[in-house]
Protein backbone atom coordinates (compact mmCIF):
# COMPACT_ATOMS: atom_id res chain seq x y z
CA UNK A 1 -1.75 16.09 -8.37
CA UNK A 2 0.59 19.03 -8.09
CA UNK A 3 4.23 18.56 -7.13
CA UNK A 4 4.26 22.09 -5.74
CA UNK A 5 4.13 22.45 -1.97
CA UNK A 6 0.79 23.42 -0.47
CA UNK A 7 0.79 25.61 2.63
CA UNK A 8 -1.42 24.67 5.57
CA UNK A 9 -1.74 26.25 9.00
CA UNK A 10 -1.04 24.26 12.15
CA UNK A 11 -1.21 25.15 15.81
CA UNK A 12 1.79 24.06 17.88
CA UNK A 13 1.33 24.46 21.61
CA UNK A 14 -1.00 27.42 21.13
CA UNK A 15 1.00 29.14 18.39
CA UNK A 16 -0.08 29.23 14.73
CA UNK A 17 2.46 28.35 12.07
CA UNK A 18 2.39 27.47 8.39
CA UNK A 19 3.96 24.40 6.85
CA UNK A 20 4.45 23.82 3.14
CA UNK A 21 4.45 20.19 1.97
CA UNK A 22 3.77 18.46 -1.31
CA UNK A 23 0.32 16.82 -1.45
CA UNK A 24 1.70 13.25 -1.14
CA UNK A 25 3.41 14.28 2.10
CA UNK A 26 0.22 15.91 3.42
CA UNK A 27 -1.59 12.65 2.65
CA UNK A 28 1.13 10.64 4.39
CA UNK A 29 1.11 13.02 7.36
CA UNK A 30 -2.66 12.54 7.71
CA UNK A 31 -2.23 8.75 7.43
CA UNK A 32 0.48 8.79 10.11
CA UNK A 33 -1.68 10.88 12.44
CA UNK A 34 -4.64 8.53 11.91
CA UNK A 35 -2.49 5.45 12.50
CA UNK A 36 -1.29 6.94 15.78
CA UNK A 37 -4.73 8.14 16.85
CA UNK A 38 -3.61 11.77 16.88
CA UNK A 39 -4.70 15.02 15.32
CA UNK A 40 -2.37 16.81 12.89
CA UNK A 41 -1.60 19.58 15.38
CA UNK A 42 -0.74 17.09 18.11
CA UNK A 43 1.51 15.06 15.80
CA UNK A 44 3.18 18.20 14.43
CA UNK A 45 3.91 19.38 17.98
CA UNK A 46 5.46 15.99 18.83
CA UNK A 47 7.61 16.07 15.69
CA UNK A 48 8.58 19.68 16.42
CA UNK A 49 9.81 18.85 19.92
CA UNK A 50 11.82 15.85 18.68
CA UNK A 51 13.57 17.49 15.73
CA UNK A 52 17.12 18.80 15.68
CA UNK A 53 17.28 22.59 15.80
CA UNK A 54 18.94 22.72 12.36
CA UNK A 55 16.09 20.75 10.73
CA UNK A 56 13.00 22.67 9.64
CA UNK A 57 9.56 21.48 10.65
CA UNK A 58 8.52 20.64 7.07
CA UNK A 59 11.65 18.50 6.63
CA UNK A 60 11.05 16.79 9.97
CA UNK A 61 7.47 15.97 8.92
CA UNK A 62 8.67 14.57 5.58
CA UNK A 63 11.20 12.37 7.41
CA UNK A 64 8.52 11.15 9.85
CA UNK A 65 6.24 10.25 6.92
CA UNK A 66 9.10 8.46 5.16
CA UNK A 67 9.89 6.43 8.30
CA UNK A 68 6.20 5.57 8.70
CA UNK A 69 6.00 4.13 5.19
CA UNK A 70 9.35 2.35 5.46
CA UNK A 71 8.27 0.67 8.68
CA UNK A 72 4.83 -0.29 7.33
CA UNK A 73 5.52 -1.71 3.90
């Protein structure tokens, strides 16, 4: 497993964007989306709307994944 970020495309409210995350965070992001019954694009859009303007989307996703695992251990 590579520690280097992998870039994936997402669609947020009709607009394409790329997000780079390390594979463990992609796996956690998928697990979070599954647990919430959402698709990745839908979850990313929700995280995007809720993040502070000075926090990048990739960082906001990492924090959401971290919270998910902290709350479910």
